Amino acid sequence: MERAMPARRGKFTIKFHLNGFQTEEGGSTKSAVKFISPRDSSGHGSHTASIAAARFVRNMNYGGLGTGGGRGGAPMARIAAYKACWDSGCYDSDILAASMMVSTLYPCL
């Protein structure tokens, strides 16, 4: 099963792959997955994407400390994120499906 957020021209393209997970886990997704979506339950993917491509932000701080501005390393970049790993692990077929989608959509990469 491949699902995607609505296609639109913007900063992010986010998709996820679930066939391998469902095959290995016997079709059950209730106990092993927090979100059957591209959503990032731990925040790691969102955090790394913002480090890479965040636009400039003024007056930011952490716990009231270090107020200033900041931006990601490539603020004009666009991000395509493909979720292929779940709480119970990463499945080869889901990783391959995501890789194939990237190579189909972006053949120059």
Protein backbone atom coordinates (compact mmCIF):
# COMPACT_ATOMS: atom_id res chain seq x y z
CA MET A 1 0.00 0.00 0.00
CA GLU A 2 1.46 3.31 -1.01
CA ARG A 3 -0.16 6.48 0.17
CA ALA A 4 0.81 10.08 -0.21
CA MET A 5 -0.19 13.47 1.03
CA PRO A 6 -2.00 15.50 -1.65
CA ALA A 7 0.36 16.48 -4.46
CA ARG A 8 1.08 20.17 -4.61
CA ARG A 9 3.96 22.31 -5.60
CA GLY A 10 5.64 23.23 -2.36
CA LYS A 11 8.53 22.61 -0.05
CA PHE A 12 7.72 19.02 0.97
CA THR A 13 6.63 15.77 -0.69
CA ILE A 14 5.90 13.09 1.90
CA LYS A 15 4.97 9.46 1.20
CA PHE A 16 5.06 6.13 2.98
CA HIS A 17 5.30 2.45 2.06
CA LEU A 18 3.59 -0.30 4.06
CA ASN A 19 3.31 -3.52 1.98
CA GLY A 20 6.41 -5.20 3.42
CA PHE A 21 5.42 -4.30 6.95
CA GLN A 22 1.90 -5.70 6.51
CA THR A 23 3.22 -8.90 4.89
CA GLU A 24 5.76 -9.54 7.66
CA GLU A 25 3.38 -8.63 10.48
CA GLY A 26 0.46 -10.63 9.08
CA GLY A 27 -1.58 -7.61 8.05
CA SER A 28 -1.93 -6.30 11.60
CA THR A 29 -1.00 -2.68 12.11
CA LYS A 30 -2.83 -1.86 15.33
CA SER A 31 -0.18 -2.72 17.92
CA ALA A 32 3.07 -2.15 16.02
CA VAL A 33 2.52 1.23 14.37
CA LYS A 34 1.62 4.52 16.02
CA PHE A 35 0.60 6.24 12.79
CA ILE A 36 -0.26 4.57 9.50
CA SER A 37 0.81 7.67 7.67
CA PRO A 38 3.98 9.55 6.77
CA ARG A 39 3.80 11.14 10.23
CA ASP A 40 7.01 11.01 12.25
CA SER A 41 6.23 9.75 15.78
CA SER A 42 9.70 10.38 17.21
CA GLY A 43 10.34 13.73 15.55
CA HIS A 44 13.69 12.61 14.10
CA GLY A 45 12.71 13.00 10.44
CA SER A 46 11.05 16.37 11.03
CA HIS A 47 14.07 17.57 12.99
CA THR A 48 16.61 16.55 10.34
CA ALA A 49 14.47 18.02 7.53
CA SER A 50 14.32 21.37 9.32
CA ILE A 51 18.11 21.36 9.82
CA ALA A 52 18.53 20.78 6.10
CA ALA A 53 15.95 23.10 4.56
CA ALA A 54 14.35 25.46 7.10
CA ARG A 55 13.72 29.01 5.92
CA PHE A 56 15.05 31.90 8.02
CA VAL A 57 13.25 32.37 11.36
CA ARG A 58 13.67 35.46 13.55
CA ASN A 59 13.50 35.64 17.34
CA MET A 60 13.79 31.93 18.04
CA ASN A 61 15.20 30.45 21.24
CA TYR A 62 15.33 27.28 23.25
CA GLY A 63 13.81 27.58 26.70
CA GLY A 64 14.31 31.34 26.64
CA LEU A 65 18.02 30.99 25.95
CA GLY A 66 20.02 32.07 22.92
CA THR A 67 17.42 34.29 21.24
CA GLY A 68 18.34 35.04 17.66
CA GLY A 69 17.71 33.95 14.11
CA GLY A 70 18.50 30.79 12.26
CA ARG A 71 18.01 28.87 9.04
CA GLY A 72 18.68 25.44 7.59
CA GLY A 73 21.73 24.60 5.53
CA ALA A 74 19.85 24.93 2.21
CA PRO A 75 16.77 27.08 2.88
CA MET A 76 15.62 27.12 -0.75
CA ALA A 77 15.75 23.32 -1.08
CA ARG A 78 12.68 21.13 -1.49
CA ILE A 79 12.38 17.89 0.48
CA ALA A 80 11.00 14.52 -0.59
CA ALA A 81 10.62 12.18 2.41
CA TYR A 82 9.71 8.52 2.02
CA LYS A 83 8.84 6.61 5.20
CA ALA A 84 9.72 2.93 4.91
CA CYS A 85 10.55 2.03 8.53
CA TRP A 86 8.11 1.34 11.35
CA ASP A 87 8.35 0.78 15.10
CA SER A 88 8.95 -2.94 14.60
CA GLY A 89 11.66 -2.43 11.98
CA CYS A 90 12.49 -1.68 8.38
CA TYR A 91 11.34 -4.04 5.63
CA ASP A 92 13.41 -4.50 2.48
CA SER A 93 10.41 -4.41 0.16
CA ASP A 94 9.25 -1.07 1.60
CA ILE A 95 12.76 0.40 1.30
CA LEU A 96 12.99 -0.85 -2.30
CA ALA A 97 9.53 0.54 -3.11
CA ALA A 98 10.56 3.96 -1.80
CA SER A 99 13.85 3.80 -3.71
CA MET A 100 12.07 2.82 -6.92
CA MET A 101 9.63 5.69 -6.52
CA VAL A 102 12.49 8.16 -6.10
CA SER A 103 14.31 6.81 -9.17
CA THR A 104 11.10 7.00 -11.22
CA LEU A 105 10.17 10.52 -10.12
CA TYR A 106 13.71 11.89 -10.16
CA PRO A 107 15.69 9.94 -12.80
CA CYS A 108 18.57 12.42 -12.70
CA LEU A 109 19.47 11.45 -9.10
